[in-house]
C-alpha atoms as a PDB file:
ATOM      1  CA  MET A   1      -0.021   0.054  -0.020  1.00  0.00           C
ATOM      2  CA  GLY A   2       3.034   2.291   0.400  1.00  0.00           C
ATOM      3  CA  LEU A   3       1.894   3.551   3.809  1.00  0.00           C
ATOM      4  CA  ARG A   4       4.191   4.109   6.739  1.00  0.00           C
ATOM      5  CA  CYS A   5       3.484   4.380  10.475  1.00  0.00           C
ATOM      6  CA  PRO A   6       3.467   8.067  11.604  1.00  0.00           C
ATOM      7  CA  ASN A   7       4.466   7.084  15.099  1.00  0.00           C
ATOM      8  CA  VAL A   8       8.174   8.203  15.521  1.00  0.00           C
ATOM      9  CA  GLN A   9       8.718   5.906  18.520  1.00  0.00           C
ATOM     10  CA  CYS A  10       7.465   2.913  16.684  1.00  0.00           C
ATOM     11  CA  ALA A  11      10.260   0.380  15.828  1.00  0.00           C
ATOM     12  CA  GLY A  12       8.793  -0.004  12.300  1.00  0.00           C
ATOM     13  CA  SER A  13       8.546   3.767  11.703  1.00  0.00           C
ATOM     14  CA  GLY A  14       9.630   4.618   8.182  1.00  0.00           C
ATOM     15  CA  SER A  15       9.359   1.038   7.061  1.00  0.00           C
ATOM     16  CA  ASN A  16       6.755  -0.034   4.408  1.00  0.00           C
ATOM     17  CA  ARG A  17       7.478  -3.749   4.561  1.00  0.00           C
ATOM     18  CA  THR A  18       4.608  -6.155   3.609  1.00  0.00           C
ATOM     19  CA  GLY A  19       2.260  -6.821   6.420  1.00  0.00           C
ATOM     20  CA  ASN A  20       3.318  -4.019   8.669  1.00  0.00           C
ATOM     21  CA  ILE A  21       0.245  -1.859   7.859  1.00  0.00           C
ATOM     22  CA  ILE A  22      -3.222  -3.355   7.733  1.00  0.00           C
ATOM     23  CA  ARG A  23      -6.761  -1.977   7.270  1.00  0.00           C
ATOM     24  CA  HIS A  24      -8.648  -0.941  10.332  1.00  0.00           C
ATOM     25  CA  GLY A  25     -12.205   0.028   9.378  1.00  0.00           C
ATOM     26  CA  PHE A  26     -13.379   3.550   8.526  1.00  0.00           C
ATOM     27  CA  CYS A  27     -13.852   6.933  10.145  1.00  0.00           C
ATOM     28  CA  LYS A  28     -16.840   9.269   9.395  1.00  0.00           C
ATOM     29  CA  THR A  29     -16.331  12.604   7.717  1.00  0.00           C
ATOM     30  CA  LYS A  30     -18.630  15.372   6.394  1.00  0.00           C
ATOM     31  CA  ARG A  31     -18.039  14.070   2.917  1.00  0.00           C
ATOM     32  CA  GLY A  32     -18.623  10.394   3.727  1.00  0.00           C
ATOM     33  CA  ARG A  33     -16.124   8.001   5.264  1.00  0.00           C
ATOM     34  CA  ARG A  34     -12.400   7.529   5.040  1.00  0.00           C
ATOM     35  CA  ARG A  35     -10.306   4.405   5.451  1.00  0.00           C
ATOM     36  CA  ARG A  36      -8.224   3.834   8.592  1.00  0.00           C
ATOM     37  CA  TYR A  37      -5.105   1.757   8.931  1.00  0.00           C
ATOM     38  CA  ARG A  38      -3.322   0.043  11.813  1.00  0.00           C
ATOM     39  CA  CYS A  39       0.332  -0.594  12.462  1.00  0.00           C
ATOM     40  CA  GLN A  40       0.867  -4.152  13.773  1.00  0.00           C
ATOM     41  CA  THR A  41       4.222  -3.192  15.432  1.00  0.00           C
ATOM     42  CA  CYS A  42       2.951  -0.518  17.752  1.00  0.00           C
ATOM     43  CA  GLY A  43      -0.824  -0.822  17.413  1.00  0.00           C
ATOM     44  CA  LYS A  44      -1.354   2.913  16.434  1.00  0.00           C
ATOM     45  CA  THR A  45      -4.275   3.601  14.117  1.00  0.00           C
ATOM     46  CA  PHE A  46      -4.167   6.417  11.541  1.00  0.00           C
ATOM     47  CA  CYS A  47      -5.547   7.479   8.225  1.00  0.00           C
ATOM     48  CA  SER A  48      -3.828   8.429   4.931  1.00  0.00           C
ATOM     49  CA  ASN A  49      -4.023  12.199   5.911  1.00  0.00           C
ATOM     50  CA  SER A  50      -2.028  11.767   9.110  1.00  0.00           C
ATOM     51  CA  ASP A  51       1.123  13.873   9.359  1.00  0.00           C
ATOM     52  CA  THR A  52      -0.029  16.148   6.528  1.00  0.00           C
ATOM     53  CA  PRO A  53      -1.810  19.518   6.443  1.00  0.00           C
ATOM     54  CA  TYR A  54      -5.027  17.836   5.570  1.00  0.00           C
ATOM     55  CA  HIS A  55      -5.206  15.946   8.959  1.00  0.00           C
ATOM     56  CA  ARG A  56      -8.633  16.697  10.624  1.00  0.00           C
ATOM     57  CA  LEU A  57      -9.512  19.173   7.904  1.00  0.00           C
ATOM     58  CA  GLN A  58     -13.239  20.111   8.010  1.00  0.00           C
ATOM     59  CA  HIS A  59     -13.224  21.137   4.295  1.00  0.00           C
ATOM     60  CA  ARG A  60     -12.308  19.593   0.994  1.00  0.00           C
ATOM     61  CA  ARG A  61      -8.623  19.198   0.299  1.00  0.00           C
ATOM     62  CA  THR A  62      -9.187  21.093  -3.002  1.00  0.00           C
ATOM     63  CA  THR A  63     -10.281  24.143  -0.957  1.00  0.00           C
ATOM     64  CA  PHE A  64      -7.121  23.894   1.065  1.00  0.00           C
ATOM     65  CA  ASP A  65      -4.976  23.821  -2.089  1.00  0.00           C
ATOM     66  CA  GLU A  66      -6.973  26.695  -3.622  1.00  0.00           C
ATOM     67  CA  VAL A  67      -6.276  28.854  -0.508  1.00  0.00           C
ATOM     68  CA  ALA A  68      -2.547  28.262  -0.667  1.00  0.00           C
ATOM     69  CA  THR A  69      -2.545  28.994  -4.409  1.00  0.00           C
ATOM     70  CA  LEU A  70      -4.360  32.300  -4.000  1.00  0.00           C
ATOM     71  CA  SER A  71      -1.922  33.256  -1.264  1.00  0.00           C
ATOM     72  CA  VAL A  72       1.066  32.867  -3.459  1.00  0.00           C
ATOM     73  CA  GLU A  73      -0.583  34.634  -6.355  1.00  0.00           C
ATOM     74  CA  GLY A  74      -0.751  37.874  -4.299  1.00  0.00           C
ATOM     75  CA  LEU A  75      -4.136  37.827  -2.483  1.00  0.00           C
ATOM     76  CA  ASN A  76      -4.189  38.745   1.107  1.00  0.00           C
ATOM     77  CA  LYS A  77      -5.893  36.744   3.834  1.00  0.00           C
ATOM     78  CA  SER A  78      -9.031  38.906   4.026  1.00  0.00           C
ATOM     79  CA  ALA A  79      -9.569  38.712   0.287  1.00  0.00           C
ATOM     80  CA  ILE A  80      -9.180  34.935   0.343  1.00  0.00           C
ATOM     81  CA  ALA A  81     -11.655  34.668   3.144  1.00  0.00           C
ATOM     82  CA  ARG A  82     -14.200  36.642   1.190  1.00  0.00           C
ATOM     83  CA  VAL A  83     -13.666  34.693  -2.069  1.00  0.00           C
ATOM     84  CA  LYS A  84     -13.800  31.247  -0.593  1.00  0.00           C
ATOM     85  CA  ARG A  85     -16.358  32.203   2.164  1.00  0.00           C
ATOM     86  CA  ILE A  86     -14.418  30.856   5.114  1.00  0.00           C
ATOM     87  CA  ALA A  87     -13.251  32.563   8.270  1.00  0.00           C
ATOM     88  CA  TRP A  88     -10.070  34.675   8.361  1.00  0.00           C
ATOM     89  CA  ASN A  89      -8.786  32.569  11.268  1.00  0.00           C
ATOM     90  CA  THR A  90      -9.253  29.409   9.119  1.00  0.00           C
ATOM     91  CA  VAL A  91      -7.267  30.914   6.335  1.00  0.00           C
ATOM     92  CA  ASP A  92      -4.491  31.955   8.748  1.00  0.00           C
ATOM     93  CA  ARG A  93      -4.220  28.571  10.359  1.00  0.00           C
ATOM     94  CA  TRP A  94      -4.231  26.728   6.943  1.00  0.00           C
ATOM     95  CA  LEU A  95      -1.435  28.910   5.581  1.00  0.00           C
ATOM     96  CA  GLN A  96       0.691  28.141   8.643  1.00  0.00           C
ATOM     97  CA  LYS A  97       0.175  24.421   8.070  1.00  0.00           C
ATOM     98  CA  ALA A  98       1.022  24.863   4.306  1.00  0.00           C
ATOM     99  CA  ALA A  99       4.153  26.906   5.113  1.00  0.00           C
ATOM    100  CA  TYR A 100       5.367  24.152   7.602  1.00  0.00           C
ATOM    101  CA  SER A 101       4.961  21.538   4.943  1.00  0.00           C
ATOM    102  CA  CYS A 102       6.721  23.660   2.280  1.00  0.00           C
ATOM    103  CA  ARG A 103       9.608  24.447   4.602  1.00  0.00           C
ATOM    104  CA  ARG A 104      10.098  20.742   5.259  1.00  0.00           C
ATOM    105  CA  PHE A 105       9.896  19.971   1.590  1.00  0.00           C
ATOM    106  CA  ASN A 106      12.409  22.678   0.672  1.00  0.00           C
ATOM    107  CA  ASP A 107      14.890  21.421   3.153  1.00  0.00           C
ATOM    108  CA  GLN A 108      14.499  17.932   1.901  1.00  0.00           C
ATOM    109  CA  LYS A 109      14.603  18.539  -1.881  1.00  0.00           C
ATOM    110  CA  ILE A 110      16.807  21.566  -2.436  1.00  0.00           C
ATOM    111  CA  ASP A 111      20.205  19.758  -1.953  1.00  0.00           C
ATOM    112  CA  GLY A 112      23.191  18.953  -4.078  1.00  0.00           C
ATOM    113  CA  ILE A 113      22.488  21.692  -6.694  1.00  0.00           C
ATOM    114  CA  ALA A 114      25.146  22.717  -9.157  1.00  0.00           C
ATOM    115  CA  ILE A 115      25.953  26.440  -9.084  1.00  0.00           C
ATOM    116  CA  SER A 116      27.700  28.084 -12.029  1.00  0.00           C
ATOM    117  CA  GLU A 117      26.346  31.650 -11.764  1.00  0.00           C
ATOM    118  CA  LEU A 118      24.802  33.185  -8.586  1.00  0.00           C
ATOM    119  CA  GLN A 119      23.237  36.495  -7.884  1.00  0.00           C
ATOM    120  CA  ALA A 120      22.067  37.956  -4.527  1.00  0.00           C
ATOM    121  CA  ASP A 121      20.150  40.986  -3.494  1.00  0.00           C
ATOM    122  CA  GLU A 122      17.927  42.320  -0.597  1.00  0.00           C
ATOM    123  CA  ILE A 123      14.366  43.583  -0.394  1.00  0.00           C
ATOM    124  CA  ARG A 124      13.331  46.184   2.099  1.00  0.00           C
ATOM    125  CA  THR A 125      10.036  46.059   3.841  1.00  0.00           C
ATOM    126  CA  ILE A 126       8.473  46.984   7.215  1.00  0.00           C
ATOM    127  CA  ILE A 127       7.038  45.076  10.214  1.00  0.00           C
ATOM    128  CA  ARG A 128       4.132  46.690  12.001  1.00  0.00           C
ATOM    129  CA  ASP A 129       5.107  50.182  11.210  1.00  0.00           C
ATOM    130  CA  LYS A 130       7.593  52.207   9.205  1.00  0.00           C
ATOM    131  CA  GLU A 131       9.929  52.591  12.148  1.00  0.00           C
ATOM    132  CA  GLN A 132      10.835  48.942  12.096  1.00  0.00           C
ATOM    133  CA  PRO A 133      12.287  48.201   8.628  1.00  0.00           C
ATOM    134  CA  ILE A 134      13.254  44.525   7.778  1.00  0.00           C
ATOM    135  CA  TRP A 135      15.235  42.964   4.935  1.00  0.00           C
ATOM    136  CA  ILE A 136      14.678  39.880   2.859  1.00  0.00           C
ATOM    137  CA  PHE A 137      17.921  38.368   1.515  1.00  0.00           C
ATOM    138  CA  ALA A 138      17.339  36.321  -1.569  1.00  0.00           C
ATOM    139  CA  ALA A 139      19.558  34.548  -4.205  1.00  0.00           C
ATOM    140  CA  ILE A 140      19.043  32.983  -7.517  1.00  0.00           C
ATOM    141  CA  GLU A 141      21.040  30.385  -9.586  1.00  0.00           C
ATOM    142  CA  VAL A 142      20.931  31.858 -12.955  1.00  0.00           C
ATOM    143  CA  TRP A 143      21.183  28.863 -15.285  1.00  0.00           C
ATOM    144  CA  SER A 144      18.330  27.061 -13.665  1.00  0.00           C
ATOM    145  CA  ARG A 145      16.485  30.177 -12.251  1.00  0.00           C
ATOM    146  CA  LEU A 146      16.397  28.293  -8.975  1.00  0.00           C
ATOM    147  CA  TRP A 147      15.683  30.219  -5.706  1.00  0.00           C
ATOM    148  CA  PRO A 148      17.865  28.234  -3.292  1.00  0.00           C
ATOM    149  CA  SER A 149      17.637  30.119  -0.060  1.00  0.00           C
ATOM    150  CA  THR A 150      16.274  33.213   1.631  1.00  0.00           C
ATOM    151  CA  VAL A 151      16.925  34.973   4.993  1.00  0.00           C
ATOM    152  CA  VAL A 152      14.726  37.480   6.808  1.00  0.00           C
ATOM    153  CA  GLY A 153      16.157  39.961   9.251  1.00  0.00           C
ATOM    154  CA  ARG A 154      18.334  43.007   9.715  1.00  0.00           C
ATOM    155  CA  ARG A 155      20.742  44.052   6.973  1.00  0.00           C
ATOM    156  CA  SER A 156      23.839  42.775   8.833  1.00  0.00           C
ATOM    157  CA  TYR A 157      26.860  40.619   8.378  1.00  0.00           C
ATOM    158  CA  ARG A 158      25.355  37.751  10.325  1.00  0.00           C
ATOM    159  CA  ASN A 159      22.324  37.477   8.065  1.00  0.00           C
ATOM    160  CA  THR A 160      24.488  37.796   4.946  1.00  0.00           C
ATOM    161  CA  LEU A 161      26.670  34.981   6.237  1.00  0.00           C
ATOM    162  CA  THR A 162      23.636  32.880   7.038  1.00  0.00           C
ATOM    163  CA  LEU A 163      22.375  33.198   3.450  1.00  0.00           C
ATOM    164  CA  PHE A 164      25.645  32.175   1.752  1.00  0.00           C
ATOM    165  CA  ARG A 165      26.371  29.434   4.238  1.00  0.00           C
ATOM    166  CA  ASP A 166      22.903  27.940   3.535  1.00  0.00           C
ATOM    167  CA  ILE A 167      23.577  28.070  -0.257  1.00  0.00           C
ATOM    168  CA  SER A 168      27.001  26.527   0.160  1.00  0.00           C
ATOM    169  CA  SER A 169      25.500  23.674   2.255  1.00  0.00           C
ATOM    170  CA  ARG A 170      22.871  22.980  -0.510  1.00  0.00           C
ATOM    171  CA  SER A 171      25.289  22.969  -3.458  1.00  0.00           C
ATOM    172  CA  ASN A 172      28.026  20.572  -4.598  1.00  0.00           C
ATOM    173  CA  LEU A 173      30.440  23.315  -5.804  1.00  0.00           C
ATOM    174  CA  GLU A 174      31.874  21.228  -8.651  1.00  0.00           C
ATOM    175  CA  HIS A 175      32.557  24.312 -10.771  1.00  0.00           C
ATOM    176  CA  VAL A 176      34.031  27.657  -9.767  1.00  0.00           C
ATOM    177  CA  PRO A 177      30.884  29.926  -9.243  1.00  0.00           C
ATOM    178  CA  LEU A 178      30.554  33.415 -10.723  1.00  0.00           C
ATOM    179  CA  ILE A 179      28.806  35.645  -8.030  1.00  0.00           C
ATOM    180  CA  ALA A 180      27.407  39.037  -8.675  1.00  0.00           C
ATOM    181  CA  THR A 181      25.766  41.344  -6.117  1.00  0.00           C
ATOM    182  CA  ASP A 182      25.222  45.053  -5.521  1.00  0.00           C
ATOM    183  CA  GLY A 183      27.660  47.218  -3.562  1.00  0.00           C
ATOM    184  CA  PHE A 184      26.555  46.120   0.015  1.00  0.00           C
ATOM    185  CA  ALA A 185      29.673  46.252   2.157  1.00  0.00           C
ATOM    186  CA  PHE A 186      29.302  42.781   3.788  1.00  0.00           C
ATOM    187  CA  TYR A 187      29.000  40.784   0.516  1.00  0.00           C
ATOM    188  CA  ALA A 188      32.781  40.777  -0.315  1.00  0.00           C
ATOM    189  CA  LYS A 189      33.737  39.544   3.263  1.00  0.00           C
ATOM    190  CA  VAL A 190      31.095  36.862   3.309  1.00  0.00           C
ATOM    191  CA  VAL A 191      31.775  35.572  -0.168  1.00  0.00           C
ATOM    192  CA  ARG A 192      35.528  35.226   0.478  1.00  0.00           C
ATOM    193  CA  ARG A 193      34.932  33.540   3.731  1.00  0.00           C
ATOM    194  CA  VAL A 194      32.421  30.981   2.467  1.00  0.00           C
ATOM    195  CA  PHE A 195      33.591  30.245  -1.166  1.00  0.00           C
ATOM    196  CA  GLY A 196      37.290  31.111  -0.648  1.00  0.00           C
ATOM    197  CA  PRO A 197      39.625  33.005  -2.996  1.00  0.00           C
ATOM    198  CA  ALA A 198      38.999  30.540  -5.869  1.00  0.00           C
ATOM    199  CA  CYS A 199      35.580  31.959  -6.756  1.00  0.00           C
ATOM    200  CA  LEU A 200      34.781  34.877  -9.034  1.00  0.00           C
ATOM    201  CA  TYR A 201      32.998  37.753  -7.461  1.00  0.00           C
ATOM    202  CA  GLY A 202      31.984  41.075  -9.020  1.00  0.00           C
ATOM    203  CA  GLN A 203      29.821  43.978  -7.942  1.00  0.00           C
ATOM    204  CA  VAL A 204      27.352  46.081  -9.954  1.00  0.00           C
ATOM    205  CA  ILE A 205      26.939  49.557  -8.443  1.00  0.00           C
ATOM    206  CA  LYS A 206      24.206  51.763  -9.795  1.00  0.00           C
ATOM    207  CA  THR A 207      24.098  55.481  -9.297  1.00  0.00           C
ATOM    208  CA  ARG A 208      20.583  56.990  -9.187  1.00  0.00           C
ATOM    209  CA  ARG A 209      19.318  60.473  -9.483  1.00  0.00           C
ATOM    210  CA  ASN A 210      15.596  61.418  -9.242  1.00  0.00           C
ATOM    211  CA  ASP A 211      14.673  57.634  -9.247  1.00  0.00           C
ATOM    212  CA  ARG A 212      16.592  57.067 -12.443  1.00  0.00           C
ATOM    213  CA  VAL A 213      19.821  55.099 -13.037  1.00  0.00           C
ATOM    214  CA  ILE A 214      22.373  57.482 -14.467  1.00  0.00           C
ATOM    215  CA  LYS A 215      25.600  55.381 -14.054  1.00  0.00           C
ATOM    216  CA  VAL A 216      26.380  51.603 -13.857  1.00  0.00           C
ATOM    217  CA  GLU A 217      29.880  50.655 -12.563  1.00  0.00           C
ATOM    218  CA  ARG A 218      31.098  47.096 -12.602  1.00  0.00           C
ATOM    219  CA  ARG A 219      33.935  45.853 -10.455  1.00  0.00           C
ATOM    220  CA  ALA A 220      35.850  42.626 -10.201  1.00  0.00           C
ATOM    221  CA  VAL A 221      36.318  42.224  -6.465  1.00  0.00           C
ATOM    222  CA  ILE A 222      37.706  38.506  -6.176  1.00  0.00           C
ATOM    223  CA  GLY A 223      39.434  36.932  -9.052  1.00  0.00           C
ATOM    224  CA  ALA A 224      41.422  38.369 -11.997  1.00  0.00           C
ATOM    225  CA  ALA A 225      39.717  40.434 -14.671  1.00  0.00           C
ATOM    226  CA  TRP A 226      40.512  37.978 -17.335  1.00  0.00           C
ATOM    227  CA  ARG A 227      38.946  35.110 -15.498  1.00  0.00           C
ATOM    228  CA  LEU A 228      35.871  37.096 -15.035  1.00  0.00           C
ATOM    229  CA  GLU A 229      35.776  37.820 -18.765  1.00  0.00           C
ATOM    230  CA  GLN A 230      36.304  34.148 -19.571  1.00  0.00           C
ATOM    231  CA  ALA A 231      33.441  33.120 -17.185  1.00  0.00           C
ATOM    232  CA  LEU A 232      31.092  35.688 -18.821  1.00  0.00           C
ATOM    233  CA  CYS A 233      32.020  34.226 -22.286  1.00  0.00           C
ATOM    234  CA  ASP A 234      31.244  30.759 -21.132  1.00  0.00           C
ATOM    235  CA  SER A 235      27.935  31.799 -19.511  1.00  0.00           C
ATOM    236  CA  GLU A 236      24.689  30.985 -21.400  1.00  0.00           C
ATOM    237  CA  ASP A 237      22.834  33.856 -19.819  1.00  0.00           C
ATOM    238  CA  SER A 238      25.067  36.781 -19.144  1.00  0.00           C
ATOM    239  CA  SER A 239      27.292  38.643 -21.519  1.00  0.00           C
ATOM    240  CA  LYS A 240      28.326  41.259 -18.963  1.00  0.00           C
ATOM    241  CA  LEU A 241      28.362  41.454 -15.214  1.00  0.00           C
ATOM    242  CA  ASN A 242      24.767  42.111 -14.032  1.00  0.00           C
ATOM    243  CA  THR A 243      22.191  41.574 -11.307  1.00  0.00           C
ATOM    244  CA  SER A 244      19.122  41.456 -13.751  1.00  0.00           C
ATOM    245  CA  PHE A 245      17.976  38.004 -12.761  1.00  0.00           C
ATOM    246  CA  ILE A 246      17.877  38.610  -9.096  1.00  0.00           C
ATOM    247  CA  GLU A 247      16.110  41.926  -9.606  1.00  0.00           C
ATOM    248  CA  ARG A 248      13.452  40.144 -11.704  1.00  0.00           C
ATOM    249  CA  LEU A 249      13.155  37.540  -8.853  1.00  0.00           C
ATOM    250  CA  ASN A 250      12.675  40.468  -6.437  1.00  0.00           C
ATOM    251  CA  LEU A 251       9.692  41.575  -8.560  1.00  0.00           C
ATOM    252  CA  THR A 252       8.259  38.062  -8.632  1.00  0.00           C
ATOM    253  CA  ILE A 253       8.582  37.897  -4.813  1.00  0.00           C
ATOM    254  CA  ARG A 254       6.767  41.249  -4.451  1.00  0.00           C
ATOM    255  CA  GLN A 255       3.968  40.225  -6.789  1.00  0.00           C
ATOM    256  CA  GLY A 256       3.477  36.894  -5.078  1.00  0.00           C
ATOM    257  CA  SER A 257       3.226  38.218  -1.504  1.00  0.00           C
ATOM    258  CA  ALA A 258       0.617  40.542  -0.260  1.00  0.00           C
ATOM    259  CA  TYR A 259       2.938  41.476   2.544  1.00  0.00           C
ATOM    260  CA  LEU A 260       5.323  43.109   0.176  1.00  0.00           C
ATOM    261  CA  PHE A 261       3.052  45.124  -2.047  1.00  0.00           C
ATOM    262  CA  ARG A 262       3.867  48.878  -2.283  1.00  0.00           C
ATOM    263  CA  ARG A 263       1.277  51.292  -0.765  1.00  0.00           C
ATOM    264  CA  THR A 264      -0.622  48.450   0.940  1.00  0.00           C
ATOM    265  CA  ILE A 265      -2.164  48.001   4.324  1.00  0.00           C
ATOM    266  CA  CYS A 266      -1.324  44.316   4.406  1.00  0.00           C
ATOM    267  CA  HIS A 267       2.157  44.487   5.973  1.00  0.00           C
ATOM    268  CA  ALA A 268       3.196  41.625   8.151  1.00  0.00           C
ATOM    269  CA  ARG A 269       2.673  42.085  11.864  1.00  0.00           C
ATOM    270  CA  TRP A 270       5.151  39.480  12.844  1.00  0.00           C
ATOM    271  CA  GLU A 271       8.430  38.351  11.273  1.00  0.00           C
ATOM    272  CA  GLU A 272       7.463  34.631  11.589  1.00  0.00           C
ATOM    273  CA  ARG A 273       4.404  35.224   9.421  1.00  0.00           C
ATOM    274  CA  LEU A 274       6.594  36.762   6.702  1.00  0.00           C
ATOM    275  CA  GLU A 275       9.218  33.857   6.942  1.00  0.00           C
ATOM    276  CA  ASP A 276       6.395  31.286   6.602  1.00  0.00           C
ATOM    277  CA  HIS A 277       4.846  33.002   3.573  1.00  0.00           C
ATOM    278  CA  LEU A 278       8.261  33.304   1.892  1.00  0.00           C
ATOM    279  CA  GLU A 279       8.797  29.501   2.367  1.00  0.00           C
ATOM    280  CA  LEU A 280       5.525  28.776   0.820  1.00  0.00           C
ATOM    281  CA  LEU A 281       6.220  31.141  -2.055  1.00  0.00           C
ATOM    282  CA  ARG A 282       9.674  29.697  -2.574  1.00  0.00           C
ATOM    283  CA  CYS A 283       8.315  26.176  -2.791  1.00  0.00           C
ATOM    284  CA  TYR A 284       5.572  27.195  -5.229  1.00  0.00           C
ATOM    285  CA  TYR A 285       8.139  29.115  -7.427  1.00  0.00           C
ATOM    286  CA  ASN A 286      10.652  26.307  -7.511  1.00  0.00           C
ATOM    287  CA  PHE A 287       8.452  23.212  -7.943  1.00  0.00           C
ATOM    288  CA  VAL A 288       5.054  24.219  -9.134  1.00  0.00           C
ATOM    289  CA  ARG A 289       5.051  27.428 -11.277  1.00  0.00           C
ATOM    290  CA  PRO A 290       6.556  26.892 -14.826  1.00  0.00           C
ATOM    291  CA  HIS A 291       9.128  29.502 -15.747  1.00  0.00           C
ATOM    292  CA  ARG A 292       8.679  31.137 -19.173  1.00  0.00           C
ATOM    293  CA  ALA A 293      12.453  31.540 -19.567  1.00  0.00           C
ATOM    294  CA  LEU A 294      12.730  27.678 -19.383  1.00  0.00           C
ATOM    295  CA  LYS A 295      10.739  26.894 -22.348  1.00  0.00           C
ATOM    296  CA  PHE A 296      12.091  24.117 -24.565  1.00  0.00           C
ATOM    297  CA  GLY A 297       9.826  23.376 -27.504  1.00  0.00           C
ATOM    298  CA  CYS A 298       6.426  22.455 -26.097  1.00  0.00           C
ATOM    299  CA  GLU A 299       7.820  21.880 -22.718  1.00  0.00           C
ATOM    300  CA  VAL A 300       7.919  24.705 -20.037  1.00  0.00           C
ATOM    301  CA  ARG A 301      10.060  23.599 -17.139  1.00  0.00           C
ATOM    302  CA  THR A 302      10.054  24.659 -13.510  1.00  0.00           C
ATOM    303  CA  PRO A 303      13.374  25.823 -11.955  1.00  0.00           C
ATOM    304  CA  ALA A 304      13.534  22.578  -9.958  1.00  0.00           C
ATOM    305  CA  MET A 305      13.259  20.595 -13.066  1.00  0.00           C
ATOM    306  CA  GLN A 306      15.954  22.587 -14.800  1.00  0.00           C
ATOM    307  CA  ALA A 307      18.228  22.069 -11.738  1.00  0.00           C
ATOM    308  CA  GLY A 308      17.606  18.285 -11.800  1.00  0.00           C
ATOM    309  CA  LEU A 309      15.857  18.160  -8.424  1.00  0.00           C
ATOM    310  CA  VAL A 310      12.682  16.630  -9.877  1.00  0.00           C
ATOM    311  CA  SER A 311      11.692  15.028 -13.199  1.00  0.00           C
ATOM    312  CA  LYS A 312       8.293  16.736 -13.630  1.00  0.00           C
ATOM    313  CA  ARG A 313       6.203  19.623 -12.514  1.00  0.00           C
ATOM    314  CA  LEU A 314       4.718  19.112  -9.067  1.00  0.00           C
ATOM    315  CA  SER A 315       1.403  20.162  -7.550  1.00  0.00           C
ATOM    316  CA  LEU A 316       0.734  21.550  -4.047  1.00  0.00           C
ATOM    317  CA  ARG A 317      -1.094  18.370  -3.279  1.00  0.00           C
ATOM    318  CA  LYS A 318       1.954  16.150  -3.923  1.00  0.00           C
ATOM    319  CA  ILE A 319       4.103  18.538  -1.878  1.00  0.00           C
ATOM    320  CA  PHE A 320       1.707  18.502   1.073  1.00  0.00           C
ATOM    321  CA  VAL A 321       1.415  14.675   1.169  1.00  0.00           C
ATOM    322  CA  ALA A 322       5.155  14.069   0.627  1.00  0.00           C
ATOM    323  CA  GLU A 323       6.683  11.848   3.301  1.00  0.00           C
ATOM    324  CA  PRO A 324       9.261  13.649   5.523  1.00  0.00           C
ATOM    325  CA  ARG A 325      12.826  12.349   5.496  1.00  0.00           C
ATOM    326  CA  LYS A 326      13.589  10.057   8.380  1.00  0.00           C
ATOM    327  CA  ILE A 327      16.794  10.969  10.075  1.00  0.00           C
ATOM    328  CA  LEU A 328      18.491   8.634  12.499  1.00  0.00           C
ATOM    329  CA  PHE A 329      20.619  10.243  15.236  1.00  0.00           C
ATOM    330  CA  VAL A 330      23.256   8.136  16.912  1.00  0.00           C
ATOM    331  CA  VAL A 331      24.554   9.478  20.228  1.00  0.00           C
ATOM    332  CA  VAL A 332      27.780   8.339  21.639  1.00  0.00           C
ATOM    333  CA  PHE A 333      28.303   8.911  25.340  1.00  0.00           C
ATOM    334  CA  ILE A 334      31.933   9.270  26.428  1.00  0.00           C
ATOM    335  CA  ASP A 335      32.860   9.284  30.093  1.00  0.00           C
ATOM    336  CA  VAL A 336      35.573  11.969  30.022  1.00  0.00           C
ATOM    337  CA  MET A 337      36.428  11.738  33.669  1.00  0.00           C
ATOM    338  CA  LEU A 338      36.906   7.964  33.450  1.00  0.00           C
ATOM    339  CA  ASP A 339      39.190   8.241  30.511  1.00  0.00           C
ATOM    340  CA  ALA A 340      41.209  10.929  32.172  1.00  0.00           C
ATOM    341  CA  GLY A 341      41.534   8.774  35.361  1.00  0.00           C
ATOM    342  CA  ARG A 342      42.823   5.850  33.205  1.00  0.00           C
ATOM    343  CA  VAL A 343      45.423   8.037  31.579  1.00  0.00           C
ATOM    344  CA  ARG A 344      46.545   9.259  34.951  1.00  0.00           C
ATOM    345  CA  GLU A 345      46.981   5.700  36.275  1.00  0.00           C
ATOM    346  CA  GLN A 346      48.985   4.709  33.274  1.00  0.00           C
ATOM    347  CA  ARG A 347      51.305   7.634  33.719  1.00  0.00           C
ATOM    348  CA  LEU A 348      51.817   6.711  37.426  1.00  0.00           C
ATOM    349  CA  ALA A 349      52.351   3.037  36.618  1.00  0.00           C
ATOM    350  CA  ALA A 350      55.041   4.066  34.023  1.00  0.00           C
END
């Protein structure tokens, strides 16, 4: 049947061997009845919706998926509640469940990516009022258009380091990456610390006057100029050093989140809510939404397909019901005092 026991303390948890899970009657729902199952190892009963956002859902699963889709297409919670005719608190609770599943899915799937060209930038927004600005750090892998990581917080060295460390942990670094950012002071220090002096890093500094760009300056910060030119010649997307792709991703993020609209009353009241919605939006952008720049004949791929993380376009339903990765932790206890005593006795005997 492909079912696994959701009980973490069960000895057969994570195992789908034959005969471990058996049928155990039905449970009543508003739409009829649903099959229940029983684990013969621990005796726990469960249904197919256990350990998913659909567990104990009093509405159709299609309605839950539509609420999540409307949220990442730019509708705020009040508008979703009016359109779907459900309570605002229900929408808020559903989006928290969806964000938790998407965060878990992102951590599980976005791993081992190949980075050839990387761009990073920040988005400024506010929490509660204009006196509390907050920044969203985002990055994009240019060749696949993948959004590998994001960090929400102050515009500081620590958050910049957190972003690039997370990207480094998710990549295989088989090739020397070409990295481009704006002139933010901490980028050069962090890139040198995380990727080392072997990478290629350049900055694109734009001078504005009356909200118009009047001058663009390009600098090679890490790596020789001829290496940077060679990398740009080998690139399939960039002919010169630029930050166009990350700026286009910033626009996609603003259009997909009602929290980030300009001249809106829907600013996030809590930083955790903004982080949750960005995880939901990142999962939708990478795995569900086709990217028009990744069109090959009749096939339009998602960034995750182009990066080789999945073989086909996913739906939110498949993401929500995906099984979490089972991680086994082995703890080794060492009696330090006993070892030190033995060493002391050996020295005295010698």
